[in-house]
C-alpha atoms as a PDB file:
ATOM      1  CA  MET A   1     -21.454  18.599  12.235  1.00  0.00           C
ATOM      2  CA  ALA A   2     -21.792  14.811  11.814  1.00  0.00           C
ATOM      3  CA  ASP A   3     -18.726  12.747  12.345  1.00  0.00           C
ATOM      4  CA  THR A   4     -16.660  11.140   9.547  1.00  0.00           C
ATOM      5  CA  LYS A   5     -15.395   7.511   9.445  1.00  0.00           C
ATOM      6  CA  LEU A   6     -12.389   6.547   7.583  1.00  0.00           C
ATOM      7  CA  PHE A   7     -11.065   3.165   6.863  1.00  0.00           C
ATOM      8  CA  PHE A   8      -7.325   3.161   6.023  1.00  0.00           C
ATOM      9  CA  ALA A   9      -5.138   0.057   4.790  1.00  0.00           C
ATOM     10  CA  THR A  10      -1.774   0.016   3.074  1.00  0.00           C
ATOM     11  CA  ASP A  11       0.936  -2.158   1.493  1.00  0.00           C
ATOM     12  CA  ILE A  12      -1.193  -4.967  -0.136  1.00  0.00           C
ATOM     13  CA  HIS A  13       1.563  -5.307  -2.845  1.00  0.00           C
ATOM     14  CA  GLY A  14      -0.778  -6.801  -5.578  1.00  0.00           C
ATOM     15  CA  SER A  15      -2.776  -9.254  -3.413  1.00  0.00           C
ATOM     16  CA  ASP A  16      -6.163  -9.472  -5.093  1.00  0.00           C
ATOM     17  CA  THR A  17      -8.073 -10.734  -2.069  1.00  0.00           C
ATOM     18  CA  CYS A  18      -6.795  -7.651   0.013  1.00  0.00           C
ATOM     19  CA  MET A  19      -8.181  -5.275  -2.706  1.00  0.00           C
ATOM     20  CA  ARG A  20     -11.509  -6.919  -2.709  1.00  0.00           C
ATOM     21  CA  LYS A  21     -11.732  -6.769   0.925  1.00  0.00           C
ATOM     22  CA  PHE A  22     -10.691  -2.907   0.905  1.00  0.00           C
ATOM     23  CA  LEU A  23     -13.366  -2.149  -1.498  1.00  0.00           C
ATOM     24  CA  ASN A  24     -15.975  -3.961   0.705  1.00  0.00           C
ATOM     25  CA  ALA A  25     -14.755  -2.226   3.926  1.00  0.00           C
ATOM     26  CA  GLY A  26     -16.789   0.899   3.397  1.00  0.00           C
ATOM     27  CA  ARG A  27     -20.093  -1.006   3.650  1.00  0.00           C
ATOM     28  CA  PHE A  28     -18.836  -3.645   5.950  1.00  0.00           C
ATOM     29  CA  TYR A  29     -17.586  -1.037   8.523  1.00  0.00           C
ATOM     30  CA  GLY A  30     -19.949   1.801   7.887  1.00  0.00           C
ATOM     31  CA  CYS A  31     -17.310   4.078   6.628  1.00  0.00           C
ATOM     32  CA  ASP A  32     -17.583   7.304   4.401  1.00  0.00           C
ATOM     33  CA  VAL A  33     -14.106   7.227   3.182  1.00  0.00           C
ATOM     34  CA  LEU A  34     -11.573   4.606   2.132  1.00  0.00           C
ATOM     35  CA  VAL A  35      -7.733   5.339   1.822  1.00  0.00           C
ATOM     36  CA  MET A  36      -5.261   2.886   0.445  1.00  0.00           C
ATOM     37  CA  GLY A  37      -1.888   4.279   1.634  1.00  0.00           C
ATOM     38  CA  GLY A  38       0.557   2.899  -1.004  1.00  0.00           C
ATOM     39  CA  ASP A  39       2.604  -0.065  -2.241  1.00  0.00           C
ATOM     40  CA  ILE A  40      -0.481  -1.250  -4.172  1.00  0.00           C
ATOM     41  CA  THR A  41       1.376  -3.300  -6.944  1.00  0.00           C
ATOM     42  CA  GLY A  42       2.792  -6.864  -6.649  1.00  0.00           C
ATOM     43  CA  LYS A  43       6.546  -7.700  -6.681  1.00  0.00           C
ATOM     44  CA  MET A  44       6.810 -10.508  -9.002  1.00  0.00           C
ATOM     45  CA  ILE A  45       5.567 -12.478 -11.543  1.00  0.00           C
ATOM     46  CA  VAL A  46       4.906 -16.283 -11.108  1.00  0.00           C
ATOM     47  CA  PRO A  47       4.912 -18.225 -14.479  1.00  0.00           C
ATOM     48  CA  ILE A  48       2.436 -20.988 -14.827  1.00  0.00           C
ATOM     49  CA  VAL A  49       3.958 -23.175 -17.637  1.00  0.00           C
ATOM     50  CA  ALA A  50       1.795 -25.213 -19.523  1.00  0.00           C
ATOM     51  CA  GLU A  51       3.461 -28.921 -20.209  1.00  0.00           C
ATOM     52  CA  ALA A  52       2.567 -32.036 -22.398  1.00  0.00           C
ATOM     53  CA  GLY A  53      -0.389 -33.961 -21.124  1.00  0.00           C
ATOM     54  CA  GLY A  54      -2.405 -30.813 -20.136  1.00  0.00           C
ATOM     55  CA  THR A  55      -0.592 -30.343 -16.694  1.00  0.00           C
ATOM     56  CA  HIS A  56       0.586 -26.809 -15.608  1.00  0.00           C
ATOM     57  CA  ARG A  57       3.654 -26.263 -13.384  1.00  0.00           C
ATOM     58  CA  ALA A  58       4.447 -23.236 -11.271  1.00  0.00           C
ATOM     59  CA  ARG A  59       6.875 -22.434  -8.394  1.00  0.00           C
ATOM     60  CA  LEU A  60       5.167 -20.755  -5.410  1.00  0.00           C
ATOM     61  CA  PHE A  61       6.494 -20.133  -1.833  1.00  0.00           C
ATOM     62  CA  GLY A  62       9.648 -22.265  -2.705  1.00  0.00           C
ATOM     63  CA  THR A  63       7.449 -25.487  -3.789  1.00  0.00           C
ATOM     64  CA  GLU A  64       6.840 -26.808  -7.295  1.00  0.00           C
ATOM     65  CA  GLU A  65       3.071 -27.300  -8.048  1.00  0.00           C
ATOM     66  CA  VAL A  66       1.913 -29.302 -10.706  1.00  0.00           C
ATOM     67  CA  VAL A  67      -1.916 -29.360 -11.520  1.00  0.00           C
ATOM     68  CA  ASP A  68      -4.163 -30.311 -14.348  1.00  0.00           C
ATOM     69  CA  ALA A  69      -6.644 -28.013 -15.912  1.00  0.00           C
ATOM     70  CA  THR A  70      -9.274 -28.328 -13.133  1.00  0.00           C
ATOM     71  CA  GLY A  71      -6.609 -27.291 -10.542  1.00  0.00           C
ATOM     72  CA  LEU A  72      -5.659 -24.401 -12.703  1.00  0.00           C
ATOM     73  CA  PRO A  73      -8.045 -21.672 -11.216  1.00  0.00           C
ATOM     74  CA  ALA A  74      -7.304 -22.686  -7.824  1.00  0.00           C
ATOM     75  CA  LEU A  75      -3.515 -22.395  -8.536  1.00  0.00           C
ATOM     76  CA  ARG A  76      -3.969 -19.023 -10.316  1.00  0.00           C
ATOM     77  CA  LYS A  77      -6.093 -17.808  -7.358  1.00  0.00           C
ATOM     78  CA  ARG A  78      -3.297 -18.768  -4.666  1.00  0.00           C
ATOM     79  CA  ILE A  79      -0.822 -16.871  -6.683  1.00  0.00           C
ATOM     80  CA  THR A  80      -2.966 -13.652  -7.056  1.00  0.00           C
ATOM     81  CA  ASP A  81      -4.282 -13.684  -3.452  1.00  0.00           C
ATOM     82  CA  ALA A  82      -0.616 -13.834  -2.225  1.00  0.00           C
ATOM     83  CA  GLY A  83       0.247 -10.455  -4.158  1.00  0.00           C
ATOM     84  CA  TYR A  84       1.917 -12.133  -7.152  1.00  0.00           C
ATOM     85  CA  TYR A  85       1.019 -11.788 -10.844  1.00  0.00           C
ATOM     86  CA  ALA A  86       0.112 -15.163 -12.374  1.00  0.00           C
ATOM     87  CA  TYR A  87       1.231 -15.339 -16.025  1.00  0.00           C
ATOM     88  CA  GLU A  88       0.294 -18.456 -18.228  1.00  0.00           C
ATOM     89  CA  CYS A  89       2.986 -19.382 -20.748  1.00  0.00           C
ATOM     90  CA  ASP A  90       4.520 -22.269 -22.446  1.00  0.00           C
ATOM     91  CA  PRO A  91       8.022 -23.437 -22.256  1.00  0.00           C
ATOM     92  CA  ASP A  92       9.342 -21.580 -25.239  1.00  0.00           C
ATOM     93  CA  GLU A  93       8.146 -18.254 -23.739  1.00  0.00           C
ATOM     94  CA  THR A  94       9.558 -19.023 -20.255  1.00  0.00           C
ATOM     95  CA  ALA A  95      13.089 -19.620 -22.012  1.00  0.00           C
ATOM     96  CA  ALA A  96      12.607 -16.623 -23.869  1.00  0.00           C
ATOM     97  CA  LEU A  97      11.900 -14.531 -20.938  1.00  0.00           C
ATOM     98  CA  ALA A  98      14.702 -15.990 -19.072  1.00  0.00           C
ATOM     99  CA  ALA A  99      17.135 -14.628 -21.748  1.00  0.00           C
ATOM    100  CA  ASP A 100      15.778 -11.239 -22.038  1.00  0.00           C
ATOM    101  CA  GLN A 101      15.551  -9.036 -18.981  1.00  0.00           C
ATOM    102  CA  ALA A 102      14.056  -6.091 -20.977  1.00  0.00           C
ATOM    103  CA  GLN A 103      11.112  -8.517 -22.142  1.00  0.00           C
ATOM    104  CA  VAL A 104      10.627  -9.419 -18.586  1.00  0.00           C
ATOM    105  CA  ASP A 105      10.417  -5.676 -17.508  1.00  0.00           C
ATOM    106  CA  ALA A 106       7.855  -4.993 -20.380  1.00  0.00           C
ATOM    107  CA  LEU A 107       5.621  -7.966 -19.318  1.00  0.00           C
ATOM    108  CA  PHE A 108       5.972  -6.895 -15.585  1.00  0.00           C
ATOM    109  CA  THR A 109       4.577  -3.260 -16.531  1.00  0.00           C
ATOM    110  CA  ARG A 110       1.999  -4.755 -18.561  1.00  0.00           C
ATOM    111  CA  VAL A 111       0.512  -7.160 -15.908  1.00  0.00           C
ATOM    112  CA  MET A 112       0.806  -4.423 -13.307  1.00  0.00           C
ATOM    113  CA  ARG A 113      -1.258  -2.035 -15.497  1.00  0.00           C
ATOM    114  CA  GLU A 114      -3.775  -4.594 -16.537  1.00  0.00           C
ATOM    115  CA  THR A 115      -4.247  -5.583 -12.852  1.00  0.00           C
ATOM    116  CA  LEU A 116      -4.692  -1.982 -11.646  1.00  0.00           C
ATOM    117  CA  LEU A 117      -7.333  -1.320 -14.662  1.00  0.00           C
ATOM    118  CA  ARG A 118      -9.244  -4.267 -13.413  1.00  0.00           C
ATOM    119  CA  TRP A 119      -9.210  -3.135  -9.885  1.00  0.00           C
ATOM    120  CA  LEU A 120     -10.440   0.389 -10.830  1.00  0.00           C
ATOM    121  CA  GLN A 121     -13.306  -1.288 -12.698  1.00  0.00           C
ATOM    122  CA  MET A 122     -14.037  -3.398  -9.847  1.00  0.00           C
ATOM    123  CA  ALA A 123     -14.178  -0.124  -7.527  1.00  0.00           C
ATOM    124  CA  GLU A 124     -16.598   1.402 -10.186  1.00  0.00           C
ATOM    125  CA  GLU A 125     -19.029  -1.415  -9.776  1.00  0.00           C
ATOM    126  CA  ARG A 126     -18.677  -2.048  -6.061  1.00  0.00           C
ATOM    127  CA  LEU A 127     -18.704   1.670  -5.077  1.00  0.00           C
ATOM    128  CA  ALA A 128     -21.372   2.924  -7.472  1.00  0.00           C
ATOM    129  CA  GLY A 129     -24.219   4.413  -5.643  1.00  0.00           C
ATOM    130  CA  THR A 130     -22.665   4.320  -2.254  1.00  0.00           C
ATOM    131  CA  GLY A 131     -21.455   7.777  -1.770  1.00  0.00           C
ATOM    132  CA  ILE A 132     -18.129   6.300  -0.273  1.00  0.00           C
ATOM    133  CA  VAL A 133     -14.978   8.443  -1.163  1.00  0.00           C
ATOM    134  CA  CYS A 134     -12.286   5.975  -2.349  1.00  0.00           C
ATOM    135  CA  LEU A 135      -8.670   7.138  -2.425  1.00  0.00           C
ATOM    136  CA  LEU A 136      -5.840   4.797  -3.928  1.00  0.00           C
ATOM    137  CA  ALA A 137      -2.420   6.456  -3.328  1.00  0.00           C
ATOM    138  CA  PRO A 138       1.018   5.128  -4.618  1.00  0.00           C
ATOM    139  CA  GLY A 139       3.961   4.171  -2.353  1.00  0.00           C
ATOM    140  CA  ASN A 140       7.629   3.751  -2.706  1.00  0.00           C
ATOM    141  CA  ASP A 141       7.390   0.458  -4.370  1.00  0.00           C
ATOM    142  CA  ASP A 142       5.008   1.664  -6.965  1.00  0.00           C
ATOM    143  CA  PRO A 143       6.429   2.596 -10.296  1.00  0.00           C
ATOM    144  CA  GLY A 144       5.750   6.173 -11.692  1.00  0.00           C
ATOM    145  CA  PHE A 145       3.304   4.946 -14.346  1.00  0.00           C
ATOM    146  CA  VAL A 146       1.021   3.963 -11.565  1.00  0.00           C
ATOM    147  CA  ASP A 147      -0.204   7.630 -11.055  1.00  0.00           C
ATOM    148  CA  GLU A 148      -1.270   7.801 -14.751  1.00  0.00           C
ATOM    149  CA  VAL A 149      -3.315   4.601 -14.356  1.00  0.00           C
ATOM    150  CA  LEU A 150      -4.818   5.579 -11.236  1.00  0.00           C
ATOM    151  CA  ARG A 151      -5.950   8.976 -12.802  1.00  0.00           C
ATOM    152  CA  THR A 152      -7.985   7.175 -15.537  1.00  0.00           C
ATOM    153  CA  SER A 153     -10.755   6.348 -13.131  1.00  0.00           C
ATOM    154  CA  SER A 154     -13.556   8.852 -12.482  1.00  0.00           C
ATOM    155  CA  ARG A 155     -14.366   6.941  -9.290  1.00  0.00           C
ATOM    156  CA  VAL A 156     -11.136   6.372  -7.339  1.00  0.00           C
ATOM    157  CA  VAL A 157      -9.016   9.315  -6.496  1.00  0.00           C
ATOM    158  CA  ASN A 158      -5.405   9.341  -6.631  1.00  0.00           C
ATOM    159  CA  PRO A 159      -4.129  11.832  -3.866  1.00  0.00           C
ATOM    160  CA  GLU A 160      -0.542  12.293  -4.539  1.00  0.00           C
ATOM    161  CA  GLY A 161       0.253  15.858  -5.188  1.00  0.00           C
ATOM    162  CA  GLU A 162      -3.350  16.767  -4.593  1.00  0.00           C
ATOM    163  CA  LEU A 163      -5.471  18.666  -1.874  1.00  0.00           C
ATOM    164  CA  VAL A 164      -8.207  16.302  -1.286  1.00  0.00           C
ATOM    165  CA  GLU A 165     -11.588  17.290   0.295  1.00  0.00           C
ATOM    166  CA  LEU A 166     -13.109  14.842   2.555  1.00  0.00           C
ATOM    167  CA  PRO A 167     -16.482  14.634   3.964  1.00  0.00           C
ATOM    168  CA  GLY A 168     -17.069  16.697   7.338  1.00  0.00           C
ATOM    169  CA  GLY A 169     -14.791  19.685   5.965  1.00  0.00           C
ATOM    170  CA  HIS A 170     -11.511  17.631   6.527  1.00  0.00           C
ATOM    171  CA  THR A 171      -8.780  17.703   4.029  1.00  0.00           C
ATOM    172  CA  LEU A 172      -5.963  15.267   3.083  1.00  0.00           C
ATOM    173  CA  VAL A 173      -2.633  15.434   1.596  1.00  0.00           C
ATOM    174  CA  SER A 174      -0.509  12.430   0.451  1.00  0.00           C
ATOM    175  CA  VAL A 175       3.121  11.721  -0.168  1.00  0.00           C
ATOM    176  CA  GLY A 176       4.152   8.105  -1.227  1.00  0.00           C
ATOM    177  CA  TYR A 177       7.982   8.584  -1.314  1.00  0.00           C
ATOM    178  CA  ALA A 178      10.190   7.070   1.211  1.00  0.00           C
ATOM    179  CA  ASN A 179      13.662   7.694   2.501  1.00  0.00           C
ATOM    180  CA  PRO A 180      16.424   5.607   1.276  1.00  0.00           C
ATOM    181  CA  THR A 181      15.724   1.789   1.835  1.00  0.00           C
ATOM    182  CA  PRO A 182      18.115  -1.292   1.090  1.00  0.00           C
ATOM    183  CA  TRP A 183      15.871  -2.221  -1.896  1.00  0.00           C
ATOM    184  CA  ASP A 184      16.438   1.046  -4.066  1.00  0.00           C
ATOM    185  CA  SER A 185      12.577   1.249  -4.804  1.00  0.00           C
ATOM    186  CA  PRO A 186      11.083   3.524  -7.420  1.00  0.00           C
ATOM    187  CA  ARG A 187      10.195   6.390  -5.134  1.00  0.00           C
ATOM    188  CA  GLU A 188      13.113   7.195  -2.660  1.00  0.00           C
ATOM    189  CA  LEU A 189      14.453  10.615  -1.756  1.00  0.00           C
ATOM    190  CA  PRO A 190      17.138  11.859   0.847  1.00  0.00           C
ATOM    191  CA  GLU A 191      15.621  12.952   3.866  1.00  0.00           C
ATOM    192  CA  ASP A 192      16.156  16.555   2.944  1.00  0.00           C
ATOM    193  CA  GLN A 193      14.274  16.410  -0.211  1.00  0.00           C
ATOM    194  CA  LEU A 194      11.491  14.313   1.274  1.00  0.00           C
ATOM    195  CA  GLU A 195      10.856  16.874   3.711  1.00  0.00           C
ATOM    196  CA  ALA A 196      10.647  19.407   1.065  1.00  0.00           C
ATOM    197  CA  ARG A 197       8.132  17.361  -0.900  1.00  0.00           C
ATOM    198  CA  ILE A 198       6.087  16.942   2.295  1.00  0.00           C
ATOM    199  CA  VAL A 199       6.172  20.588   3.203  1.00  0.00           C
ATOM    200  CA  ALA A 200       5.034  21.538  -0.222  1.00  0.00           C
ATOM    201  CA  GLU A 201       1.818  19.491   0.332  1.00  0.00           C
ATOM    202  CA  ALA A 202       1.624  20.570   3.914  1.00  0.00           C
ATOM    203  CA  GLU A 203       1.538  24.122   3.016  1.00  0.00           C
ATOM    204  CA  LYS A 204      -1.696  23.342   0.741  1.00  0.00           C
ATOM    205  CA  VAL A 205      -3.692  22.493   3.982  1.00  0.00           C
ATOM    206  CA  PRO A 206      -5.886  25.433   5.067  1.00  0.00           C
ATOM    207  CA  ASP A 207      -6.207  23.999   8.588  1.00  0.00           C
ATOM    208  CA  PRO A 208      -4.031  21.405  10.030  1.00  0.00           C
ATOM    209  CA  ALA A 209      -6.280  20.797  13.066  1.00  0.00           C
ATOM    210  CA  LYS A 210      -8.653  19.381  10.485  1.00  0.00           C
ATOM    211  CA  ALA A 211      -6.227  17.783   8.187  1.00  0.00           C
ATOM    212  CA  VAL A 212      -5.122  14.344   7.392  1.00  0.00           C
ATOM    213  CA  PHE A 213      -1.540  13.545   6.284  1.00  0.00           C
ATOM    214  CA  ASN A 214      -1.233  10.377   4.421  1.00  0.00           C
ATOM    215  CA  LEU A 215       2.606   9.807   4.234  1.00  0.00           C
ATOM    216  CA  HIS A 216       3.481   6.417   3.395  1.00  0.00           C
ATOM    217  CA  VAL A 217       6.607   6.349   5.530  1.00  0.00           C
ATOM    218  CA  PRO A 218       6.280   6.145   9.389  1.00  0.00           C
ATOM    219  CA  PRO A 219       7.882   9.061  11.480  1.00  0.00           C
ATOM    220  CA  LYS A 220      11.328   7.818  12.940  1.00  0.00           C
ATOM    221  CA  GLU A 221      11.898   6.486  16.298  1.00  0.00           C
ATOM    222  CA  THR A 222       8.162   5.847  17.152  1.00  0.00           C
ATOM    223  CA  PRO A 223       6.291   2.534  17.828  1.00  0.00           C
ATOM    224  CA  LEU A 224       5.423   2.871  13.953  1.00  0.00           C
ATOM    225  CA  ASP A 225       8.505   2.305  12.564  1.00  0.00           C
ATOM    226  CA  GLN A 226      10.440  -0.576  14.200  1.00  0.00           C
ATOM    227  CA  ALA A 227      11.819  -3.247  12.006  1.00  0.00           C
ATOM    228  CA  MET A 228      15.188  -5.386  11.841  1.00  0.00           C
ATOM    229  CA  LEU A 229      18.066  -3.565  10.430  1.00  0.00           C
ATOM    230  CA  LEU A 230      19.473  -5.111   7.323  1.00  0.00           C
ATOM    231  CA  ASP A 231      23.003  -4.982   5.860  1.00  0.00           C
ATOM    232  CA  ASP A 232      23.958  -4.161   2.259  1.00  0.00           C
ATOM    233  CA  GLN A 233      23.297  -7.789   1.413  1.00  0.00           C
ATOM    234  CA  TRP A 234      19.718  -7.726   2.883  1.00  0.00           C
ATOM    235  CA  ARG A 235      20.777  -9.872   5.794  1.00  0.00           C
ATOM    236  CA  PRO A 236      19.740  -9.044   9.298  1.00  0.00           C
ATOM    237  CA  VAL A 237      22.276  -7.227  11.527  1.00  0.00           C
ATOM    238  CA  LEU A 238      22.845  -9.425  14.273  1.00  0.00           C
ATOM    239  CA  GLN A 239      23.947  -8.531  18.015  1.00  0.00           C
ATOM    240  CA  GLY A 240      24.706 -11.138  20.455  1.00  0.00           C
ATOM    241  CA  GLY A 241      23.245 -13.736  17.942  1.00  0.00           C
ATOM    242  CA  ARG A 242      19.805 -11.777  17.812  1.00  0.00           C
ATOM    243  CA  PRO A 243      18.550  -9.300  15.230  1.00  0.00           C
ATOM    244  CA  VAL A 244      18.954  -5.758  15.842  1.00  0.00           C
ATOM    245  CA  ILE A 245      15.584  -3.896  15.993  1.00  0.00           C
ATOM    246  CA  ALA A 246      15.708  -0.132  15.359  1.00  0.00           C
ATOM    247  CA  GLY A 247      13.545   2.719  14.169  1.00  0.00           C
ATOM    248  CA  VAL A 248      13.836   2.745  10.401  1.00  0.00           C
ATOM    249  CA  GLY A 249      11.173   5.391   9.458  1.00  0.00           C
ATOM    250  CA  SER A 250      11.777   8.713   8.382  1.00  0.00           C
ATOM    251  CA  SER A 251      13.123  11.810  10.182  1.00  0.00           C
ATOM    252  CA  ALA A 252      11.712  14.136   7.627  1.00  0.00           C
ATOM    253  CA  VAL A 253       8.117  12.610   8.253  1.00  0.00           C
ATOM    254  CA  ARG A 254       8.540  13.096  11.886  1.00  0.00           C
ATOM    255  CA  ALA A 255       9.758  16.754  11.714  1.00  0.00           C
ATOM    256  CA  VAL A 256       6.895  17.639   9.400  1.00  0.00           C
ATOM    257  CA  VAL A 257       4.158  16.137  11.587  1.00  0.00           C
ATOM    258  CA  GLU A 258       5.843  17.792  14.673  1.00  0.00           C
ATOM    259  CA  ARG A 259       5.760  21.118  12.876  1.00  0.00           C
ATOM    260  CA  TYR A 260       2.187  21.065  11.364  1.00  0.00           C
ATOM    261  CA  GLN A 261       0.450  18.838  13.947  1.00  0.00           C
ATOM    262  CA  PRO A 262      -2.196  17.377  11.646  1.00  0.00           C
ATOM    263  CA  MET A 263      -5.114  15.757  13.587  1.00  0.00           C
ATOM    264  CA  LEU A 264      -4.355  12.545  11.887  1.00  0.00           C
ATOM    265  CA  SER A 265      -1.086  10.981  10.067  1.00  0.00           C
ATOM    266  CA  LEU A 266      -1.445   7.656   8.274  1.00  0.00           C
ATOM    267  CA  HIS A 267       1.463   5.506   7.570  1.00  0.00           C
ATOM    268  CA  GLY A 268       2.539   2.081   6.428  1.00  0.00           C
ATOM    269  CA  HIS A 269       5.705   0.787   4.751  1.00  0.00           C
ATOM    270  CA  ILE A 270       6.997  -1.184   7.893  1.00  0.00           C
ATOM    271  CA  HIS A 271       4.549  -3.986   8.002  1.00  0.00           C
ATOM    272  CA  GLU A 272       5.557  -5.522  11.214  1.00  0.00           C
ATOM    273  CA  SER A 273       4.997  -2.160  13.261  1.00  0.00           C
ATOM    274  CA  ARG A 274       0.943  -2.088  13.697  1.00  0.00           C
ATOM    275  CA  GLY A 275      -0.050   0.321  16.232  1.00  0.00           C
ATOM    276  CA  GLY A 276      -0.741   3.918  17.129  1.00  0.00           C
ATOM    277  CA  THR A 277       0.867   6.608  18.923  1.00  0.00           C
ATOM    278  CA  ARG A 278       0.663  10.339  19.569  1.00  0.00           C
ATOM    279  CA  ILE A 279       3.044  12.988  18.311  1.00  0.00           C
ATOM    280  CA  GLY A 280       2.119  16.157  20.071  1.00  0.00           C
ATOM    281  CA  ARG A 281      -1.716  16.657  19.077  1.00  0.00           C
ATOM    282  CA  THR A 282      -1.381  14.334  16.227  1.00  0.00           C
ATOM    283  CA  THR A 283      -2.811  10.705  16.222  1.00  0.00           C
ATOM    284  CA  ALA A 284      -0.416   8.597  14.222  1.00  0.00           C
ATOM    285  CA  ILE A 285      -1.251   5.053  12.767  1.00  0.00           C
ATOM    286  CA  ASN A 286       0.336   2.253  11.023  1.00  0.00           C
ATOM    287  CA  PRO A 287      -2.285  -0.702  10.612  1.00  0.00           C
ATOM    288  CA  GLY A 288       0.512  -3.160   9.353  1.00  0.00           C
ATOM    289  CA  SER A 289       0.250  -5.434   6.726  1.00  0.00           C
ATOM    290  CA  GLU A 290      -0.120  -9.128   6.202  1.00  0.00           C
ATOM    291  CA  TYR A 291      -1.155  -9.236   2.665  1.00  0.00           C
ATOM    292  CA  SER A 292       0.814 -12.457   1.746  1.00  0.00           C
ATOM    293  CA  GLU A 293      -1.670 -14.345   3.949  1.00  0.00           C
ATOM    294  CA  GLY A 294      -4.667 -12.639   2.299  1.00  0.00           C
ATOM    295  CA  VAL A 295      -5.269 -10.810   5.627  1.00  0.00           C
ATOM    296  CA  LEU A 296      -6.240  -7.214   5.280  1.00  0.00           C
ATOM    297  CA  ARG A 297      -5.050  -5.240   8.336  1.00  0.00           C
ATOM    298  CA  GLY A 298      -6.700  -1.712   8.631  1.00  0.00           C
ATOM    299  CA  ALA A 299      -7.748   1.050  10.840  1.00  0.00           C
ATOM    300  CA  ILE A 300     -11.165   2.577  11.339  1.00  0.00           C
ATOM    301  CA  VAL A 301     -10.811   6.050  12.188  1.00  0.00           C
ATOM    302  CA  THR A 302     -13.665   8.421  13.563  1.00  0.00           C
ATOM    303  CA  LEU A 303     -13.048  12.121  12.602  1.00  0.00           C
ATOM    304  CA  GLY A 304     -14.999  14.462  14.575  1.00  0.00           C
ATOM    305  CA  GLY A 305     -16.610  17.769  13.141  1.00  0.00           C
ATOM    306  CA  ARG A 306     -15.022  19.937  15.598  1.00  0.00           C
ATOM    307  CA  LYS A 307     -12.774  17.841  17.867  1.00  0.00           C
ATOM    308  CA  GLY A 308     -10.495  16.048  15.525  1.00  0.00           C
ATOM    309  CA  VAL A 309      -9.753  12.467  16.023  1.00  0.00           C
ATOM    310  CA  ARG A 310     -12.627  11.086  18.225  1.00  0.00           C
ATOM    311  CA  GLY A 311     -11.023   7.545  18.278  1.00  0.00           C
ATOM    312  CA  TYR A 312      -9.723   4.590  16.153  1.00  0.00           C
ATOM    313  CA  GLN A 313      -9.744   0.841  16.071  1.00  0.00           C
ATOM    314  CA  LEU A 314      -7.253  -1.506  14.532  1.00  0.00           C
ATOM    315  CA  VAL A 315      -8.999  -4.290  12.601  1.00  0.00           C
ATOM    316  CA  SER A 316      -7.898  -7.403  10.650  1.00  0.00           C
ATOM    317  CA  GLY A 317     -10.125  -9.636   8.066  1.00  0.00           C
END
């Protein structure tokens, strides 16, 4: 049975450049399967305010930028490439948004939805005729309506809550929920409930030795979950003047991986913990994320027909 090559990336947080690179990765790396591991949507709208005289003003990375009409496309691209939503408006609409949080929330939902639909159309066009399997999974930062939007595509698969058949006789299950975080994101559960949700998906797998678990949060106390501890004000916890680094992943994820021993477990969530490790017979990978720089970090994994994971390579581009 032929090997299957899988490309995995995660945590692009709305970056247009990273999504384009992801959709091109199958052909570029010669992969049969593309898996996006969650946290697809962006975190913020950046207003581009039209001013008198034909200029446009936006605040990006703490800096005020003023451009004329010729500089507007480049400004818009810098915003979308960094994972934000560029929104062109006038001073009156800016003031109205500043005074009405409900209006801001409705706009945020609208631009997220429009961006996802545009990406799905892009996937249809770029993957047509390739035979490449493309999975886009939600993560803890993705609002619930994202599932509905992803399922409108005839080309892209949303694996959340589904048993997905992959080439080579492999199967994949996916859970995008996280254990509690300091940010109170849309998809969080206490560890016991998270474990129950993952177990429900794992029980669908006919043979864990040929299964891929796409679990957005990494297993606790591994090289894949090391990050700075934060206090309740989101400030780094210091010890001796230095940030405290600790495992902030999920004990539920670790328990399920140890129990079922899938051949491969794919994780993200902790952007700075790029790497791979072994948990018993399982190869576990977190490719990390550098989306705000327009860099797509990923992992190319070769799945053997009989021998599980034959190898992997971490890549950036």
